Each structure stands twice: as C-alpha cells, then as structure tokens.
Amino acid sequence: MEGDSVTLNTDLTEIPEDDEILWKYGAEKSLIAQIRRAAGVFSTSDVPDGRFRDRLKLDRQTGSLTITNTRTEHTGEYQLEIRRAKLSSQTYHVSVYARLPVPVITRDCSSSSSSSQQNCSLLCSVVNVGHVTLSWYKGHSLLSSISVSDLSISLSLPLEVEYQEKNSYSCVINNPITNQTTHLDISKLCQPCSEVHIHSCDTVEAVMRLVVTALMGVASAAAAVLLLNDVRSARG
C-alpha cells in the first residue's frame, strides 16, 4: 500500500567479510544499493527519474534493503546478487497499490430508461484509480462489475432499483489487498424525478402568480391615482 515500507530480505544473519551484495531494479537492472564489507562500502543510489530519493535503507548486518514511503512507481522487479566464490541471485516482485477512495453514489435523473417511472437510476463513481474493480452488490450477491488496469482512470457503474425496494445494495471498489464500500440508502437518495420536476414547475408557477399579482396591484394603484386627478380637475 502506498506510504508503507517494504523490506527485501537476503536471508543472511551476517554478511561474510569477502561477500559483495548488489541490489538492482527494473528491466535495466539499475544498481540501487551495494555492500562490500572488505572495502567498507555501504551505499545506496537513485535511478535517473529520482523515484528512490531518500527512500532506500540498507541493513549493514544482513544486507536487507528497505524501501520507505512507497509509491506506485516503486512497483517492479528487484534483483539481489550475492557475489562470492559462486554467484547467487534472487528476484523479488513488488506491487505497490494506491490507497482507495470511497465510492460515491449519485442519482442519475438524466437516464432515458423506459422504466424510469418505476425505477431509480443510480451511478457509483470513483476518480483517479488504477488496477481496481468497481462492483455493485445486492446483499452478498454480485450484480455487475468493471475492472481497469490503467492508472488514473475515472470509473462509473450504473444501477437501477425500484423506488420502494427494501433490499440492501452496496458499491465496492477493491484491489488485491484492500477495498472500500459505500452502502445505498434508497429512501434518502431515490425520489421520483417526475416529482422533482413537478415541484420545480409548481415553484415557477407560484413565482409567476406573485409577479402577476404585483403587476396588477401596481396597475390598480396607477388607475386610482389617475381617477383622483380627474376628480380634482372636475372640482376645479
């Protein structure tokens, strides 16, 4: 998980005096750490893009390598070489996953479903994710899912439920090591879009009535003023 530390062990309890230990990274086998006890060398080095800066620590006794404050870009192959009378090597495959966001469930009133009068259309969404699966569950049963292997992708997964339904629904995002879940509250989120539309129309109509009433009031007041002026003129 991003932010955690990972230690790659040599399985040695102590480094023999004449052994040389090399740690390499990636397909290019870039040297990122080395130990030569006889020469007093205990060093780490970065790769050209700087991803390991201030993140590598060597155990001087065992030669194990620790990567601190990991990020997804630290995913890859790490190779350990122990050079002595006979060369031995070991490869480690490291996968670092980003911390998962909490899925967001929203109402989709723009849905053109023919059953929109009976059903509530929903969207479960997450942003800036990679190597994850987004799923809808009804109770413990999987309804639908979508997976992505790219990085920094936005995902949305639709679902339709009945307005008065009492079943339990949840939206889950997961990768191989963790997950995040949001439970659906149908009674809170699902109200017929037509009712919302009617309510909006009623509000507009009420405002228009107030405007017309106000205009009529102004017109009546103006007529009264004109009538009073006519009366005064007649008296004069």
C-alpha atoms as a PDB file:
ATOM      1  CA  MET A   1       0.000   0.000   0.000  1.00  0.00           C
ATOM      2  CA  GLU A   2       1.273   3.497  -0.791  1.00  0.00           C
ATOM      3  CA  GLY A   3       3.003   5.118   2.156  1.00  0.00           C
ATOM      4  CA  ASP A   4       4.042   1.823   3.730  1.00  0.00           C
ATOM      5  CA  SER A   5       7.568   0.406   3.886  1.00  0.00           C
ATOM      6  CA  VAL A   6       8.668  -2.857   2.297  1.00  0.00           C
ATOM      7  CA  THR A   7      11.773  -4.842   3.222  1.00  0.00           C
ATOM      8  CA  LEU A   8      13.518  -7.224   0.836  1.00  0.00           C
ATOM      9  CA  ASN A   9      15.451  -9.781   2.877  1.00  0.00           C
ATOM     10  CA  THR A  10      18.689 -11.510   1.976  1.00  0.00           C
ATOM     11  CA  ASP A  11      18.044 -14.373   4.460  1.00  0.00           C
ATOM     12  CA  LEU A  12      21.531 -13.760   5.856  1.00  0.00           C
ATOM     13  CA  THR A  13      22.151 -13.338   9.577  1.00  0.00           C
ATOM     14  CA  GLU A  14      25.505 -11.683   8.900  1.00  0.00           C
ATOM     15  CA  ILE A  15      27.382 -10.707   5.745  1.00  0.00           C
ATOM     16  CA  PRO A  16      30.633 -12.656   5.249  1.00  0.00           C
ATOM     17  CA  GLU A  17      33.701 -10.413   5.065  1.00  0.00           C
ATOM     18  CA  ASP A  18      34.505 -11.206   1.433  1.00  0.00           C
ATOM     19  CA  ASP A  19      30.939 -11.117   0.082  1.00  0.00           C
ATOM     20  CA  GLU A  20      29.658  -8.383  -2.197  1.00  0.00           C
ATOM     21  CA  ILE A  21      25.932  -7.631  -2.180  1.00  0.00           C
ATOM     22  CA  LEU A  22      24.246  -5.780  -5.039  1.00  0.00           C
ATOM     23  CA  TRP A  23      20.606  -4.661  -5.302  1.00  0.00           C
ATOM     24  CA  LYS A  24      19.289  -3.873  -8.799  1.00  0.00           C
ATOM     25  CA  TYR A  25      15.954  -2.523 -10.019  1.00  0.00           C
ATOM     26  CA  GLY A  26      13.841  -2.853 -13.170  1.00  0.00           C
ATOM     27  CA  ALA A  27      14.420  -4.303 -16.599  1.00  0.00           C
ATOM     28  CA  GLU A  28      17.547  -2.130 -16.936  1.00  0.00           C
ATOM     29  CA  LYS A  29      18.920  -3.669 -13.715  1.00  0.00           C
ATOM     30  CA  SER A  30      19.906  -0.259 -12.400  1.00  0.00           C
ATOM     31  CA  LEU A  31      22.188  -0.528  -9.363  1.00  0.00           C
ATOM     32  CA  ILE A  32      20.406   0.987  -6.344  1.00  0.00           C
ATOM     33  CA  ALA A  33      22.434  -0.426  -3.414  1.00  0.00           C
ATOM     34  CA  GLN A  34      25.673  -2.248  -2.743  1.00  0.00           C
ATOM     35  CA  ILE A  35      27.699  -3.600   0.158  1.00  0.00           C
ATOM     36  CA  ARG A  36      31.387  -4.550   0.058  1.00  0.00           C
ATOM     37  CA  ARG A  37      32.429  -5.118   3.648  1.00  0.00           C
ATOM     38  CA  ALA A  38      36.106  -5.626   2.890  1.00  0.00           C
ATOM     39  CA  ALA A  39      36.281  -2.199   1.238  1.00  0.00           C
ATOM     40  CA  GLY A  40      33.941  -0.563   3.742  1.00  0.00           C
ATOM     41  CA  VAL A  41      31.308   0.237   1.089  1.00  0.00           C
ATOM     42  CA  PHE A  42      27.659   0.566   2.234  1.00  0.00           C
ATOM     43  CA  SER A  43      25.829   2.743  -0.258  1.00  0.00           C
ATOM     44  CA  THR A  44      22.510   3.386  -1.976  1.00  0.00           C
ATOM     45  CA  SER A  45      21.892   5.215  -5.243  1.00  0.00           C
ATOM     46  CA  ASP A  46      18.901   6.567  -7.130  1.00  0.00           C
ATOM     47  CA  VAL A  47      17.665   5.893 -10.653  1.00  0.00           C
ATOM     48  CA  PRO A  48      17.547   8.717 -13.247  1.00  0.00           C
ATOM     49  CA  ASP A  49      13.915   9.679 -12.585  1.00  0.00           C
ATOM     50  CA  GLY A  50      14.561  10.140  -8.841  1.00  0.00           C
ATOM     51  CA  ARG A  51      11.875   7.743  -7.586  1.00  0.00           C
ATOM     52  CA  PHE A  52      14.072   6.315  -4.811  1.00  0.00           C
ATOM     53  CA  ARG A  53      15.386   9.601  -3.430  1.00  0.00           C
ATOM     54  CA  ASP A  54      15.724   9.384   0.401  1.00  0.00           C
ATOM     55  CA  ARG A  55      13.735   6.126   0.400  1.00  0.00           C
ATOM     56  CA  LEU A  56      16.389   3.365   0.468  1.00  0.00           C
ATOM     57  CA  LYS A  57      17.887   1.921   3.640  1.00  0.00           C
ATOM     58  CA  LEU A  58      20.458  -0.883   3.895  1.00  0.00           C
ATOM     59  CA  ASP A  59      20.817  -3.198   6.871  1.00  0.00           C
ATOM     60  CA  ARG A  60      24.575  -3.251   7.485  1.00  0.00           C
ATOM     61  CA  GLN A  61      24.455  -6.637   9.199  1.00  0.00           C
ATOM     62  CA  THR A  62      22.185  -8.653   6.908  1.00  0.00           C
ATOM     63  CA  GLY A  63      22.268  -6.633   3.671  1.00  0.00           C
ATOM     64  CA  SER A  64      18.460  -6.450   3.515  1.00  0.00           C
ATOM     65  CA  LEU A  65      17.021  -3.482   1.610  1.00  0.00           C
ATOM     66  CA  THR A  66      14.084  -1.390   2.859  1.00  0.00           C
ATOM     67  CA  ILE A  67      12.065   0.987   0.668  1.00  0.00           C
ATOM     68  CA  THR A  68      10.269   3.577   2.797  1.00  0.00           C
ATOM     69  CA  ASN A  69       7.213   5.727   1.969  1.00  0.00           C
ATOM     70  CA  THR A  70       6.455   3.614  -1.093  1.00  0.00           C
ATOM     71  CA  ARG A  71       4.575   4.853  -4.157  1.00  0.00           C
ATOM     72  CA  THR A  72       3.005   3.007  -7.085  1.00  0.00           C
ATOM     73  CA  GLU A  73       6.069   3.817  -9.208  1.00  0.00           C
ATOM     74  CA  HIS A  74       8.128   1.528  -6.960  1.00  0.00           C
ATOM     75  CA  THR A  75       6.274  -1.461  -8.390  1.00  0.00           C
ATOM     76  CA  GLY A  76       8.586  -3.749 -10.327  1.00  0.00           C
ATOM     77  CA  GLU A  77      11.372  -6.340 -10.148  1.00  0.00           C
ATOM     78  CA  TYR A  78      14.214  -6.133  -7.654  1.00  0.00           C
ATOM     79  CA  GLN A  79      17.217  -8.398  -8.067  1.00  0.00           C
ATOM     80  CA  LEU A  80      19.609  -9.408  -5.304  1.00  0.00           C
ATOM     81  CA  GLU A  81      23.099 -10.587  -6.281  1.00  0.00           C
ATOM     82  CA  ILE A  82      25.479 -12.082  -3.742  1.00  0.00           C
ATOM     83  CA  ARG A  83      28.960 -12.342  -5.165  1.00  0.00           C
ATOM     84  CA  ARG A  84      31.319 -14.761  -3.514  1.00  0.00           C
ATOM     85  CA  ALA A  85      33.213 -17.783  -4.827  1.00  0.00           C
ATOM     86  CA  LYS A  86      29.943 -18.645  -6.563  1.00  0.00           C
ATOM     87  CA  LEU A  87      27.443 -16.011  -7.737  1.00  0.00           C
ATOM     88  CA  SER A  88      23.888 -16.371  -6.460  1.00  0.00           C
ATOM     89  CA  SER A  89      20.876 -14.233  -7.299  1.00  0.00           C
ATOM     90  CA  GLN A  90      17.257 -13.855  -6.298  1.00  0.00           C
ATOM     91  CA  THR A  91      14.407 -11.841  -7.823  1.00  0.00           C
ATOM     92  CA  TYR A  92      11.626 -10.089  -5.896  1.00  0.00           C
ATOM     93  CA  HIS A  93       8.390  -8.886  -7.496  1.00  0.00           C
ATOM     94  CA  VAL A  94       6.967  -5.876  -5.673  1.00  0.00           C
ATOM     95  CA  SER A  95       3.492  -4.405  -6.254  1.00  0.00           C
ATOM     96  CA  VAL A  96       2.532  -1.135  -4.569  1.00  0.00           C
ATOM     97  CA  TYR A  97      -1.146  -0.169  -4.678  1.00  0.00           C
ATOM     98  CA  ALA A  98      -2.627   3.297  -4.231  1.00  0.00           C
ATOM     99  CA  ARG A  99      -4.972   3.913  -1.308  1.00  0.00           C
ATOM    100  CA  LEU A 100      -8.539   3.529  -2.495  1.00  0.00           C
ATOM    101  CA  PRO A 101     -11.111   6.353  -2.473  1.00  0.00           C
ATOM    102  CA  VAL A 102     -14.603   5.812  -1.068  1.00  0.00           C
ATOM    103  CA  PRO A 103     -17.118   5.218  -3.913  1.00  0.00           C
ATOM    104  CA  VAL A 104     -19.705   7.975  -4.411  1.00  0.00           C
ATOM    105  CA  ILE A 105     -23.308   7.039  -5.263  1.00  0.00           C
ATOM    106  CA  THR A 106     -25.357   9.688  -7.068  1.00  0.00           C
ATOM    107  CA  ARG A 107     -28.832   9.903  -8.588  1.00  0.00           C
ATOM    108  CA  ASP A 108     -28.994   9.933 -12.387  1.00  0.00           C
ATOM    109  CA  CYS A 109     -32.158  11.838 -13.347  1.00  0.00           C
ATOM    110  CA  SER A 110     -30.917  12.100 -16.943  1.00  0.00           C
ATOM    111  CA  SER A 111     -31.470   8.386 -17.521  1.00  0.00           C
ATOM    112  CA  SER A 112     -33.680   7.687 -20.523  1.00  0.00           C
ATOM    113  CA  SER A 113     -34.783   4.242 -19.325  1.00  0.00           C
ATOM    114  CA  SER A 114     -38.269   3.262 -20.411  1.00  0.00           C
ATOM    115  CA  SER A 115     -38.942   2.111 -16.849  1.00  0.00           C
ATOM    116  CA  SER A 116     -37.788   5.394 -15.286  1.00  0.00           C
ATOM    117  CA  GLN A 117     -41.246   5.976 -13.796  1.00  0.00           C
ATOM    118  CA  GLN A 118     -40.880   2.867 -11.631  1.00  0.00           C
ATOM    119  CA  ASN A 119     -37.094   2.676 -11.203  1.00  0.00           C
ATOM    120  CA  CYS A 120     -34.420   4.829  -9.654  1.00  0.00           C
ATOM    121  CA  SER A 121     -31.312   5.222 -11.843  1.00  0.00           C
ATOM    122  CA  LEU A 122     -28.026   5.457  -9.954  1.00  0.00           C
ATOM    123  CA  LEU A 123     -24.316   5.848 -10.672  1.00  0.00           C
ATOM    124  CA  CYS A 124     -21.454   4.671  -8.485  1.00  0.00           C
ATOM    125  CA  SER A 125     -18.259   6.583  -9.305  1.00  0.00           C
ATOM    126  CA  VAL A 126     -14.588   6.795  -8.340  1.00  0.00           C
ATOM    127  CA  VAL A 127     -11.834   9.015  -9.754  1.00  0.00           C
ATOM    128  CA  ASN A 128      -8.075   8.726 -10.237  1.00  0.00           C
ATOM    129  CA  VAL A 129      -7.814   4.984  -9.672  1.00  0.00           C
ATOM    130  CA  GLY A 130      -5.912   2.146 -11.310  1.00  0.00           C
ATOM    131  CA  HIS A 131      -5.675  -1.638 -11.075  1.00  0.00           C
ATOM    132  CA  VAL A 132      -9.071  -1.853  -9.373  1.00  0.00           C
ATOM    133  CA  THR A 133     -12.515  -3.411  -9.753  1.00  0.00           C
ATOM    134  CA  LEU A 134     -15.734  -1.455  -9.144  1.00  0.00           C
ATOM    135  CA  SER A 135     -18.810  -3.563  -8.317  1.00  0.00           C
ATOM    136  CA  TRP A 136     -22.487  -3.375  -7.331  1.00  0.00           C
ATOM    137  CA  TYR A 137     -23.759  -5.905  -4.793  1.00  0.00           C
ATOM    138  CA  LYS A 138     -27.298  -6.834  -3.784  1.00  0.00           C
ATOM    139  CA  GLY A 139     -26.790  -8.225  -0.316  1.00  0.00           C
ATOM    140  CA  HIS A 140     -23.815 -10.543  -0.824  1.00  0.00           C
ATOM    141  CA  SER A 141     -24.602 -11.284  -4.486  1.00  0.00           C
ATOM    142  CA  LEU A 142     -22.557  -9.628  -7.227  1.00  0.00           C
ATOM    143  CA  LEU A 143     -24.755  -7.749  -9.735  1.00  0.00           C
ATOM    144  CA  SER A 144     -22.204  -6.103 -12.031  1.00  0.00           C
ATOM    145  CA  SER A 145     -18.574  -5.028 -12.094  1.00  0.00           C
ATOM    146  CA  ILE A 146     -15.973  -3.227 -14.172  1.00  0.00           C
ATOM    147  CA  SER A 147     -12.185  -3.555 -13.940  1.00  0.00           C
ATOM    148  CA  VAL A 148      -9.318  -1.344 -15.078  1.00  0.00           C
ATOM    149  CA  SER A 149      -5.587  -1.979 -15.247  1.00  0.00           C
ATOM    150  CA  ASP A 150      -4.502   1.538 -16.240  1.00  0.00           C
ATOM    151  CA  LEU A 151      -3.556   4.317 -13.824  1.00  0.00           C
ATOM    152  CA  SER A 152      -5.500   7.494 -13.013  1.00  0.00           C
ATOM    153  CA  ILE A 153      -8.786   6.430 -14.572  1.00  0.00           C
ATOM    154  CA  SER A 154     -12.297   7.549 -13.586  1.00  0.00           C
ATOM    155  CA  LEU A 155     -14.889   4.776 -13.354  1.00  0.00           C
ATOM    156  CA  SER A 156     -18.700   4.820 -13.183  1.00  0.00           C
ATOM    157  CA  LEU A 157     -21.077   1.886 -12.882  1.00  0.00           C
ATOM    158  CA  PRO A 158     -24.885   2.271 -13.309  1.00  0.00           C
ATOM    159  CA  LEU A 159     -27.651   0.539 -11.372  1.00  0.00           C
ATOM    160  CA  GLU A 160     -31.449   0.676 -11.422  1.00  0.00           C
ATOM    161  CA  VAL A 161     -33.584  -0.152  -8.382  1.00  0.00           C
ATOM    162  CA  GLU A 162     -37.280   0.202  -7.605  1.00  0.00           C
ATOM    163  CA  TYR A 163     -38.291   3.290  -5.616  1.00  0.00           C
ATOM    164  CA  GLN A 164     -39.884   1.406  -2.723  1.00  0.00           C
ATOM    165  CA  GLU A 165     -37.443  -1.513  -2.732  1.00  0.00           C
ATOM    166  CA  LYS A 166     -36.236  -2.788   0.667  1.00  0.00           C
ATOM    167  CA  ASN A 167     -33.208  -4.797  -0.498  1.00  0.00           C
ATOM    168  CA  SER A 168     -29.686  -3.900   0.615  1.00  0.00           C
ATOM    169  CA  TYR A 169     -27.309  -2.576  -2.072  1.00  0.00           C
ATOM    170  CA  SER A 170     -23.666  -1.552  -1.857  1.00  0.00           C
ATOM    171  CA  CYS A 171     -20.956  -0.299  -4.205  1.00  0.00           C
ATOM    172  CA  VAL A 172     -17.462  -1.707  -3.638  1.00  0.00           C
ATOM    173  CA  ILE A 173     -14.054  -0.765  -5.052  1.00  0.00           C
ATOM    174  CA  ASN A 174     -11.235  -3.211  -4.470  1.00  0.00           C
ATOM    175  CA  ASN A 175      -7.727  -4.191  -5.455  1.00  0.00           C
ATOM    176  CA  PRO A 176      -5.894  -7.395  -4.443  1.00  0.00           C
ATOM    177  CA  ILE A 177      -5.149  -6.147  -0.916  1.00  0.00           C
ATOM    178  CA  THR A 178      -7.956  -3.842   0.229  1.00  0.00           C
ATOM    179  CA  ASN A 179     -11.429  -2.438  -0.528  1.00  0.00           C
ATOM    180  CA  GLN A 180     -13.783   0.458   0.171  1.00  0.00           C
ATOM    181  CA  THR A 181     -17.587   0.172   0.407  1.00  0.00           C
ATOM    182  CA  THR A 182     -20.488   2.617   0.199  1.00  0.00           C
ATOM    183  CA  HIS A 183     -23.974   1.407   1.158  1.00  0.00           C
ATOM    184  CA  LEU A 184     -27.017   2.666  -0.740  1.00  0.00           C
ATOM    185  CA  ASP A 185     -29.808   4.415   1.200  1.00  0.00           C
ATOM    186  CA  ILE A 186     -32.726   4.069  -1.237  1.00  0.00           C
ATOM    187  CA  SER A 187     -35.204   6.069   0.852  1.00  0.00           C
ATOM    188  CA  LYS A 188     -32.802   9.022   1.053  1.00  0.00           C
ATOM    189  CA  LEU A 189     -31.408   9.067  -2.472  1.00  0.00           C
ATOM    190  CA  CYS A 190     -34.290   7.735  -4.581  1.00  0.00           C
ATOM    191  CA  GLN A 191     -37.235  10.058  -5.137  1.00  0.00           C
ATOM    192  CA  PRO A 192     -39.095  10.082  -8.469  1.00  0.00           C
ATOM    193  CA  CYS A 193     -37.508  12.592 -10.843  1.00  0.00           C
ATOM    194  CA  SER A 194     -41.035  13.476 -12.063  1.00  0.00           C
ATOM    195  CA  GLU A 195     -41.936  14.684  -8.575  1.00  0.00           C
ATOM    196  CA  VAL A 196     -38.846  16.841  -8.504  1.00  0.00           C
ATOM    197  CA  HIS A 197     -39.814  18.235 -11.920  1.00  0.00           C
ATOM    198  CA  ILE A 198     -43.413  18.899 -10.848  1.00  0.00           C
ATOM    199  CA  HIS A 199     -42.220  20.574  -7.679  1.00  0.00           C
ATOM    200  CA  SER A 200     -39.948  22.796  -9.741  1.00  0.00           C
ATOM    201  CA  CYS A 201     -42.816  23.674 -12.103  1.00  0.00           C
ATOM    202  CA  ASP A 202     -45.092  24.450  -9.153  1.00  0.00           C
ATOM    203  CA  THR A 203     -42.460  26.744  -7.731  1.00  0.00           C
ATOM    204  CA  VAL A 204     -42.045  28.585 -11.019  1.00  0.00           C
ATOM    205  CA  GLU A 205     -45.828  28.889 -11.388  1.00  0.00           C
ATOM    206  CA  ALA A 206     -46.129  30.297  -7.872  1.00  0.00           C
ATOM    207  CA  VAL A 207     -43.465  32.885  -8.577  1.00  0.00           C
ATOM    208  CA  MET A 208     -45.216  33.883 -11.806  1.00  0.00           C
ATOM    209  CA  ARG A 209     -48.506  34.304  -9.923  1.00  0.00           C
ATOM    210  CA  LEU A 210     -46.800  36.569  -7.406  1.00  0.00           C
ATOM    211  CA  VAL A 211     -45.323  38.662 -10.217  1.00  0.00           C
ATOM    212  CA  VAL A 212     -48.691  38.964 -11.981  1.00  0.00           C
ATOM    213  CA  THR A 213     -50.422  39.881  -8.721  1.00  0.00           C
ATOM    214  CA  ALA A 214     -47.796  42.525  -8.042  1.00  0.00           C
ATOM    215  CA  LEU A 215     -48.187  43.965 -11.535  1.00  0.00           C
ATOM    216  CA  MET A 216     -51.950  44.052 -11.162  1.00  0.00           C
ATOM    217  CA  GLY A 217     -51.528  45.840  -7.863  1.00  0.00           C
ATOM    218  CA  VAL A 218     -49.297  48.443  -9.471  1.00  0.00           C
ATOM    219  CA  ALA A 219     -51.770  48.898 -12.320  1.00  0.00           C
ATOM    220  CA  SER A 220     -54.657  49.329  -9.861  1.00  0.00           C
ATOM    221  CA  ALA A 221     -52.709  51.901  -7.886  1.00  0.00           C
ATOM    222  CA  ALA A 222     -51.888  53.818 -11.050  1.00  0.00           C
ATOM    223  CA  ALA A 223     -55.560  53.777 -12.087  1.00  0.00           C
ATOM    224  CA  ALA A 224     -56.580  55.091  -8.693  1.00  0.00           C
ATOM    225  CA  VAL A 225     -54.126  57.975  -8.938  1.00  0.00           C
ATOM    226  CA  LEU A 226     -55.437  58.893 -12.381  1.00  0.00           C
ATOM    227  CA  LEU A 227     -59.046  58.780 -11.129  1.00  0.00           C
ATOM    228  CA  LEU A 228     -58.191  61.054  -8.194  1.00  0.00           C
ATOM    229  CA  ASN A 229     -56.535  63.556 -10.503  1.00  0.00           C
ATOM    230  CA  ASP A 230     -59.646  63.539 -12.745  1.00  0.00           C
ATOM    231  CA  VAL A 231     -61.876  64.232  -9.740  1.00  0.00           C
ATOM    232  CA  ARG A 232     -59.682  67.114  -8.616  1.00  0.00           C
ATOM    233  CA  SER A 233     -59.698  68.520 -12.137  1.00  0.00           C
ATOM    234  CA  ALA A 234     -63.504  68.315 -12.297  1.00  0.00           C
ATOM    235  CA  ARG A 235     -63.861  70.127  -8.959  1.00  0.00           C
ATOM    236  CA  GLY A 236     -61.520  72.788 -10.162  1.00  0.00           C
END
